[in-house]
Amino acid sequence: AEDMGRDVRQFTECLTSNRYAQFLNGYRVFASDYGVTGTPSVLMSLGDTNQWSQVLRDYNSLSGVVETVGAQL
């Protein structure tokens, strides 16, 4: 925080308050449910469905997704 020019006291207070614990836990459960095991990870959902799938983290997989989505816009 200090290296980024932020107030270290405020950062520490926010971090230790657990103010966002419930919010973050929701994302942790969501990620776990869809097989996310690390970062960076990309989850995608196309259309109006609630079907999510994880994209492999290699360049070719990610660029393929970007091209697919771009073609649908």
PDB file of N, CA and C in Angstrom:
ATOM      1  N   ALA A   1       0.830  -1.187   0.000  1.00  0.00           N
ATOM      2  CA  ALA A   1       0.000   0.000   0.000  1.00  0.00           C
ATOM      3  C   ALA A   1       0.877   1.253   0.000  1.00  0.00           C
ATOM      4  N   GLU A   2       1.903   1.232   0.804  1.00  0.00           N
ATOM      5  CA  GLU A   2       2.778   2.406   0.889  1.00  0.00           C
ATOM      6  C   GLU A   2       3.465   2.673  -0.444  1.00  0.00           C
ATOM      7  N   ASP A   3       3.953   1.606  -1.091  1.00  0.00           N
ATOM      8  CA  ASP A   3       4.624   1.757  -2.391  1.00  0.00           C
ATOM      9  C   ASP A   3       3.685   2.335  -3.452  1.00  0.00           C
ATOM     10  N   MET A   4       2.395   2.142  -3.255  1.00  0.00           N
ATOM     11  CA  MET A   4       1.407   2.654  -4.208  1.00  0.00           C
ATOM     12  C   MET A   4       0.866   4.017  -3.791  1.00  0.00           C
ATOM     13  N   GLY A   5       1.442   4.585  -2.746  1.00  0.00           N
ATOM     14  CA  GLY A   5       1.012   5.903  -2.307  1.00  0.00           C
ATOM     15  C   GLY A   5      -0.291   5.914  -1.531  1.00  0.00           C
ATOM     16  N   ARG A   6      -0.659   4.770  -0.970  1.00  0.00           N
ATOM     17  CA  ARG A   6      -1.914   4.676  -0.227  1.00  0.00           C
ATOM     18  C   ARG A   6      -1.639   4.804   1.264  1.00  0.00           C
ATOM     19  N   ASP A   7      -2.667   5.106   2.010  1.00  0.00           N
ATOM     20  CA  ASP A   7      -2.578   5.228   3.463  1.00  0.00           C
ATOM     21  C   ASP A   7      -2.499   3.826   4.072  1.00  0.00           C
ATOM     22  N   VAL A   8      -1.345   3.495   4.627  1.00  0.00           N
ATOM     23  CA  VAL A   8      -1.117   2.149   5.164  1.00  0.00           C
ATOM     24  C   VAL A   8      -2.061   1.853   6.326  1.00  0.00           C
ATOM     25  N   ARG A   9      -2.318   2.835   7.164  1.00  0.00           N
ATOM     26  CA  ARG A   9      -3.214   2.632   8.303  1.00  0.00           C
ATOM     27  C   ARG A   9      -4.615   2.275   7.824  1.00  0.00           C
ATOM     28  N   GLN A  10      -5.129   3.021   6.849  1.00  0.00           N
ATOM     29  CA  GLN A  10      -6.465   2.741   6.314  1.00  0.00           C
ATOM     30  C   GLN A  10      -6.509   1.369   5.640  1.00  0.00           C
ATOM     31  N   PHE A  11      -5.461   1.032   4.905  1.00  0.00           N
ATOM     32  CA  PHE A  11      -5.405  -0.269   4.241  1.00  0.00           C
ATOM     33  C   PHE A  11      -5.448  -1.402   5.265  1.00  0.00           C
ATOM     34  N   THR A  12      -4.623  -1.284   6.308  1.00  0.00           N
ATOM     35  CA  THR A  12      -4.568  -2.311   7.346  1.00  0.00           C
ATOM     36  C   THR A  12      -5.903  -2.425   8.062  1.00  0.00           C
ATOM     37  N   GLU A  13      -6.510  -1.283   8.360  1.00  0.00           N
ATOM     38  CA  GLU A  13      -7.814  -1.276   9.025  1.00  0.00           C
ATOM     39  C   GLU A  13      -8.867  -1.982   8.171  1.00  0.00           C
ATOM     40  N   CYS A  14      -8.882  -1.689   6.889  1.00  0.00           N
ATOM     41  CA  CYS A  14      -9.837  -2.318   5.979  1.00  0.00           C
ATOM     42  C   CYS A  14      -9.598  -3.825   5.903  1.00  0.00           C
ATOM     43  N   LEU A  15      -8.347  -4.203   5.778  1.00  0.00           N
ATOM     44  CA  LEU A  15      -7.994  -5.614   5.640  1.00  0.00           C
ATOM     45  C   LEU A  15      -8.366  -6.418   6.877  1.00  0.00           C
ATOM     46  N   THR A  16      -8.113  -5.871   8.052  1.00  0.00           N
ATOM     47  CA  THR A  16      -8.367  -6.614   9.288  1.00  0.00           C
ATOM     48  C   THR A  16      -9.816  -6.535   9.752  1.00  0.00           C
ATOM     49  N   SER A  17     -10.611  -5.639   9.163  1.00  0.00           N
ATOM     50  CA  SER A  17     -12.006  -5.485   9.584  1.00  0.00           C
ATOM     51  C   SER A  17     -12.902  -6.608   9.078  1.00  0.00           C
ATOM     52  N   ASN A  18     -12.441  -7.340   8.068  1.00  0.00           N
ATOM     53  CA  ASN A  18     -13.250  -8.386   7.430  1.00  0.00           C
ATOM     54  C   ASN A  18     -14.546  -7.822   6.846  1.00  0.00           C
ATOM     55  N   ARG A  19     -14.543  -6.557   6.532  1.00  0.00           N
ATOM     56  CA  ARG A  19     -15.703  -5.860   5.984  1.00  0.00           C
ATOM     57  C   ARG A  19     -16.234  -6.529   4.720  1.00  0.00           C
ATOM     58  N   TYR A  20     -15.343  -7.082   3.931  1.00  0.00           N
ATOM     59  CA  TYR A  20     -15.747  -7.670   2.650  1.00  0.00           C
ATOM     60  C   TYR A  20     -15.685  -9.203   2.650  1.00  0.00           C
ATOM     61  N   ALA A  21     -15.566  -9.805   3.828  1.00  0.00           N
ATOM     62  CA  ALA A  21     -15.403 -11.256   3.932  1.00  0.00           C
ATOM     63  C   ALA A  21     -16.559 -12.017   3.285  1.00  0.00           C
ATOM     64  N   GLN A  22     -17.786 -11.615   3.543  1.00  0.00           N
ATOM     65  CA  GLN A  22     -18.944 -12.315   2.985  1.00  0.00           C
ATOM     66  C   GLN A  22     -18.965 -12.187   1.459  1.00  0.00           C
ATOM     67  N   PHE A  23     -18.691 -11.007   0.963  1.00  0.00           N
ATOM     68  CA  PHE A  23     -18.630 -10.743  -0.472  1.00  0.00           C
ATOM     69  C   PHE A  23     -17.560 -11.608  -1.138  1.00  0.00           C
ATOM     70  N   LEU A  24     -16.365 -11.620  -0.563  1.00  0.00           N
ATOM     71  CA  LEU A  24     -15.267 -12.402  -1.134  1.00  0.00           C
ATOM     72  C   LEU A  24     -15.526 -13.896  -1.041  1.00  0.00           C
ATOM     73  N   ASN A  25     -16.148 -14.336   0.051  1.00  0.00           N
ATOM     74  CA  ASN A  25     -16.465 -15.749   0.191  1.00  0.00           C
ATOM     75  C   ASN A  25     -17.433 -16.199  -0.894  1.00  0.00           C
ATOM     76  N   GLY A  26     -18.376 -15.338  -1.252  1.00  0.00           N
ATOM     77  CA  GLY A  26     -19.308 -15.665  -2.340  1.00  0.00           C
ATOM     78  C   GLY A  26     -18.570 -15.915  -3.643  1.00  0.00           C
ATOM     79  N   TYR A  27     -17.590 -15.066  -3.941  1.00  0.00           N
ATOM     80  CA  TYR A  27     -16.788 -15.266  -5.152  1.00  0.00           C
ATOM     81  C   TYR A  27     -15.914 -16.516  -5.051  1.00  0.00           C
ATOM     82  N   ARG A  28     -15.406 -16.790  -3.851  1.00  0.00           N
ATOM     83  CA  ARG A  28     -14.577 -17.985  -3.660  1.00  0.00           C
ATOM     84  C   ARG A  28     -15.399 -19.249  -3.917  1.00  0.00           C
ATOM     85  N   VAL A  29     -16.627 -19.286  -3.403  1.00  0.00           N
ATOM     86  CA  VAL A  29     -17.518 -20.436  -3.614  1.00  0.00           C
ATOM     87  C   VAL A  29     -17.859 -20.562  -5.098  1.00  0.00           C
ATOM     88  N   PHE A  30     -18.207 -19.440  -5.731  1.00  0.00           N
ATOM     89  CA  PHE A  30     -18.534 -19.444  -7.160  1.00  0.00           C
ATOM     90  C   PHE A  30     -17.369 -20.003  -7.970  1.00  0.00           C
ATOM     91  N   ALA A  31     -16.173 -19.508  -7.704  1.00  0.00           N
ATOM     92  CA  ALA A  31     -14.984 -19.968  -8.436  1.00  0.00           C
ATOM     93  C   ALA A  31     -14.749 -21.455  -8.208  1.00  0.00           C
ATOM     94  N   SER A  32     -14.863 -21.887  -6.978  1.00  0.00           N
ATOM     95  CA  SER A  32     -14.659 -23.298  -6.660  1.00  0.00           C
ATOM     96  C   SER A  32     -15.688 -24.177  -7.361  1.00  0.00           C
ATOM     97  N   ASP A  33     -16.940 -23.745  -7.385  1.00  0.00           N
ATOM     98  CA  ASP A  33     -18.004 -24.507  -8.043  1.00  0.00           C
ATOM     99  C   ASP A  33     -17.721 -24.720  -9.531  1.00  0.00           C
ATOM    100  N   TYR A  34     -16.998 -23.792 -10.143  1.00  0.00           N
ATOM    101  CA  TYR A  34     -16.717 -23.885 -11.581  1.00  0.00           C
ATOM    102  C   TYR A  34     -15.288 -24.307 -11.880  1.00  0.00           C
ATOM    103  N   GLY A  35     -14.597 -24.859 -10.883  1.00  0.00           N
ATOM    104  CA  GLY A  35     -13.305 -25.490 -11.116  1.00  0.00           C
ATOM    105  C   GLY A  35     -12.102 -24.570 -11.183  1.00  0.00           C
ATOM    106  N   VAL A  36     -12.250 -23.330 -10.758  1.00  0.00           N
ATOM    107  CA  VAL A  36     -11.105 -22.422 -10.769  1.00  0.00           C
ATOM    108  C   VAL A  36     -10.131 -22.870  -9.689  1.00  0.00           C
ATOM    109  N   THR A  37      -8.883 -23.052 -10.087  1.00  0.00           N
ATOM    110  CA  THR A  37      -7.869 -23.517  -9.142  1.00  0.00           C
ATOM    111  C   THR A  37      -6.732 -22.532  -8.962  1.00  0.00           C
ATOM    112  N   GLY A  38      -6.733 -21.435  -9.684  1.00  0.00           N
ATOM    113  CA  GLY A  38      -5.662 -20.456  -9.542  1.00  0.00           C
ATOM    114  C   GLY A  38      -5.913 -19.237 -10.393  1.00  0.00           C
ATOM    115  N   THR A  39      -4.972 -18.347 -10.360  1.00  0.00           N
ATOM    116  CA  THR A  39      -5.070 -17.132 -11.158  1.00  0.00           C
ATOM    117  C   THR A  39      -3.888 -17.065 -12.108  1.00  0.00           C
ATOM    118  N   PRO A  40      -4.001 -16.440 -13.226  1.00  0.00           N
ATOM    119  CA  PRO A  40      -5.259 -15.868 -13.703  1.00  0.00           C
ATOM    120  C   PRO A  40      -6.177 -16.956 -14.224  1.00  0.00           C
ATOM    121  N   SER A  41      -7.442 -16.745 -14.114  1.00  0.00           N
ATOM    122  CA  SER A  41      -8.455 -17.647 -14.652  1.00  0.00           C
ATOM    123  C   SER A  41      -9.501 -16.821 -15.372  1.00  0.00           C
ATOM    124  N   VAL A  42     -10.080 -17.403 -16.371  1.00  0.00           N
ATOM    125  CA  VAL A  42     -11.128 -16.733 -17.117  1.00  0.00           C
ATOM    126  C   VAL A  42     -12.341 -17.644 -17.153  1.00  0.00           C
ATOM    127  N   LEU A  43     -13.463 -17.125 -16.671  1.00  0.00           N
ATOM    128  CA  LEU A  43     -14.734 -17.830 -16.786  1.00  0.00           C
ATOM    129  C   LEU A  43     -15.548 -17.089 -17.821  1.00  0.00           C
ATOM    130  N   MET A  44     -16.248 -17.831 -18.652  1.00  0.00           N
ATOM    131  CA  MET A  44     -17.051 -17.155 -19.660  1.00  0.00           C
ATOM    132  C   MET A  44     -18.435 -17.763 -19.725  1.00  0.00           C
ATOM    133  N   SER A  45     -19.376 -16.936 -20.067  1.00  0.00           N
ATOM    134  CA  SER A  45     -20.743 -17.362 -20.275  1.00  0.00           C
ATOM    135  C   SER A  45     -21.256 -16.585 -21.475  1.00  0.00           C
ATOM    136  N   LEU A  46     -21.707 -17.293 -22.478  1.00  0.00           N
ATOM    137  CA  LEU A  46     -22.226 -16.646 -23.677  1.00  0.00           C
ATOM    138  C   LEU A  46     -23.738 -16.763 -23.694  1.00  0.00           C
ATOM    139  N   GLY A  47     -24.375 -15.711 -24.083  1.00  0.00           N
ATOM    140  CA  GLY A  47     -25.828 -15.729 -24.180  1.00  0.00           C
ATOM    141  C   GLY A  47     -26.495 -15.488 -22.845  1.00  0.00           C
ATOM    142  N   ASP A  48     -27.759 -15.866 -22.776  1.00  0.00           N
ATOM    143  CA  ASP A  48     -28.558 -15.610 -21.580  1.00  0.00           C
ATOM    144  C   ASP A  48     -28.558 -16.781 -20.613  1.00  0.00           C
ATOM    145  N   THR A  49     -27.754 -17.794 -20.878  1.00  0.00           N
ATOM    146  CA  THR A  49     -27.742 -18.958 -19.995  1.00  0.00           C
ATOM    147  C   THR A  49     -26.893 -18.670 -18.775  1.00  0.00           C
ATOM    148  N   ASN A  50     -27.064 -19.464 -17.774  1.00  0.00           N
ATOM    149  CA  ASN A  50     -26.244 -19.357 -16.571  1.00  0.00           C
ATOM    150  C   ASN A  50     -25.199 -20.469 -16.586  1.00  0.00           C
ATOM    151  N   GLN A  51     -24.756 -20.832 -17.769  1.00  0.00           N
ATOM    152  CA  GLN A  51     -23.755 -21.878 -17.924  1.00  0.00           C
ATOM    153  C   GLN A  51     -22.381 -21.233 -18.057  1.00  0.00           C
ATOM    154  N   TRP A  52     -21.520 -21.496 -17.101  1.00  0.00           N
ATOM    155  CA  TRP A  52     -20.176 -20.924 -17.091  1.00  0.00           C
ATOM    156  C   TRP A  52     -19.179 -22.013 -17.420  1.00  0.00           C
ATOM    157  N   SER A  53     -18.117 -21.660 -18.091  1.00  0.00           N
ATOM    158  CA  SER A  53     -17.038 -22.614 -18.328  1.00  0.00           C
ATOM    159  C   SER A  53     -15.710 -21.905 -18.180  1.00  0.00           C
ATOM    160  N   GLN A  54     -14.734 -22.661 -17.716  1.00  0.00           N
ATOM    161  CA  GLN A  54     -13.406 -22.097 -17.517  1.00  0.00           C
ATOM    162  C   GLN A  54     -12.621 -22.223 -18.808  1.00  0.00           C
ATOM    163  N   VAL A  55     -11.913 -21.179 -19.140  1.00  0.00           N
ATOM    164  CA  VAL A  55     -11.073 -21.167 -20.332  1.00  0.00           C
ATOM    165  C   VAL A  55      -9.662 -21.532 -19.897  1.00  0.00           C
ATOM    166  N   LEU A  56      -9.020 -22.397 -20.671  1.00  0.00           N
ATOM    167  CA  LEU A  56      -7.639 -22.732 -20.346  1.00  0.00           C
ATOM    168  C   LEU A  56      -6.795 -21.471 -20.369  1.00  0.00           C
ATOM    169  N   ARG A  57      -5.719 -21.476 -19.618  1.00  0.00           N
ATOM    170  CA  ARG A  57      -4.937 -20.259 -19.424  1.00  0.00           C
ATOM    171  C   ARG A  57      -3.858 -20.020 -20.465  1.00  0.00           C
ATOM    172  N   ASP A  58      -3.803 -20.832 -21.477  1.00  0.00           N
ATOM    173  CA  ASP A  58      -2.768 -20.607 -22.488  1.00  0.00           C
ATOM    174  C   ASP A  58      -3.233 -19.548 -23.484  1.00  0.00           C
ATOM    175  N   TYR A  59      -2.288 -18.957 -24.167  1.00  0.00           N
ATOM    176  CA  TYR A  59      -2.573 -17.853 -25.084  1.00  0.00           C
ATOM    177  C   TYR A  59      -3.569 -18.240 -26.168  1.00  0.00           C
ATOM    178  N   ASN A  60      -3.395 -19.386 -26.790  1.00  0.00           N
ATOM    179  CA  ASN A  60      -4.274 -19.780 -27.896  1.00  0.00           C
ATOM    180  C   ASN A  60      -5.723 -19.933 -27.435  1.00  0.00           C
ATOM    181  N   SER A  61      -5.930 -20.491 -26.249  1.00  0.00           N
ATOM    182  CA  SER A  61      -7.300 -20.634 -25.737  1.00  0.00           C
ATOM    183  C   SER A  61      -7.925 -19.277 -25.471  1.00  0.00           C
ATOM    184  N   LEU A  62      -7.164 -18.396 -24.837  1.00  0.00           N
ATOM    185  CA  LEU A  62      -7.699 -17.074 -24.518  1.00  0.00           C
ATOM    186  C   LEU A  62      -7.966 -16.250 -25.771  1.00  0.00           C
ATOM    187  N   SER A  63      -7.052 -16.299 -26.729  1.00  0.00           N
ATOM    188  CA  SER A  63      -7.263 -15.521 -27.950  1.00  0.00           C
ATOM    189  C   SER A  63      -8.438 -16.078 -28.742  1.00  0.00           C
ATOM    190  N   GLY A  64      -8.644 -17.379 -28.702  1.00  0.00           N
ATOM    191  CA  GLY A  64      -9.785 -17.981 -29.382  1.00  0.00           C
ATOM    192  C   GLY A  64     -11.102 -17.508 -28.804  1.00  0.00           C
ATOM    193  N   VAL A  65     -11.170 -17.386 -27.475  1.00  0.00           N
ATOM    194  CA  VAL A  65     -12.381 -16.899 -26.823  1.00  0.00           C
ATOM    195  C   VAL A  65     -12.640 -15.448 -27.215  1.00  0.00           C
ATOM    196  N   VAL A  66     -11.590 -14.646 -27.204  1.00  0.00           N
ATOM    197  CA  VAL A  66     -11.751 -13.239 -27.568  1.00  0.00           C
ATOM    198  C   VAL A  66     -12.258 -13.112 -29.001  1.00  0.00           C
ATOM    199  N   GLU A  67     -11.731 -13.912 -29.907  1.00  0.00           N
ATOM    200  CA  GLU A  67     -12.174 -13.859 -31.300  1.00  0.00           C
ATOM    201  C   GLU A  67     -13.625 -14.318 -31.432  1.00  0.00           C
ATOM    202  N   THR A  68     -13.998 -15.356 -30.695  1.00  0.00           N
ATOM    203  CA  THR A  68     -15.368 -15.868 -30.740  1.00  0.00           C
ATOM    204  C   THR A  68     -16.359 -14.826 -30.243  1.00  0.00           C
ATOM    205  N   VAL A  69     -16.047 -14.224 -29.117  1.00  0.00           N
ATOM    206  CA  VAL A  69     -16.940 -13.222 -28.553  1.00  0.00           C
ATOM    207  C   VAL A  69     -16.999 -12.003 -29.462  1.00  0.00           C
ATOM    208  N   GLY A  70     -15.859 -11.594 -29.996  1.00  0.00           N
ATOM    209  CA  GLY A  70     -15.818 -10.447 -30.888  1.00  0.00           C
ATOM    210  C   GLY A  70     -16.665 -10.656 -32.118  1.00  0.00           C
ATOM    211  N   ALA A  71     -16.705 -11.877 -32.626  1.00  0.00           N
ATOM    212  CA  ALA A  71     -17.494 -12.176 -33.818  1.00  0.00           C
ATOM    213  C   ALA A  71     -18.986 -12.119 -33.525  1.00  0.00           C
ATOM    214  N   GLN A  72     -19.367 -12.288 -32.282  1.00  0.00           N
ATOM    215  CA  GLN A  72     -20.782 -12.269 -31.923  1.00  0.00           C
ATOM    216  C   GLN A  72     -21.308 -10.876 -31.614  1.00  0.00           C
ATOM    217  N   LEU A  73     -20.410  -9.903 -31.526  1.00  0.00           N
ATOM    218  CA  LEU A  73     -20.841  -8.535 -31.191  1.00  0.00           C
ATOM    219  C   LEU A  73     -21.346  -7.801 -32.396  1.00  0.00           C
TER     220      LEU A  73
END
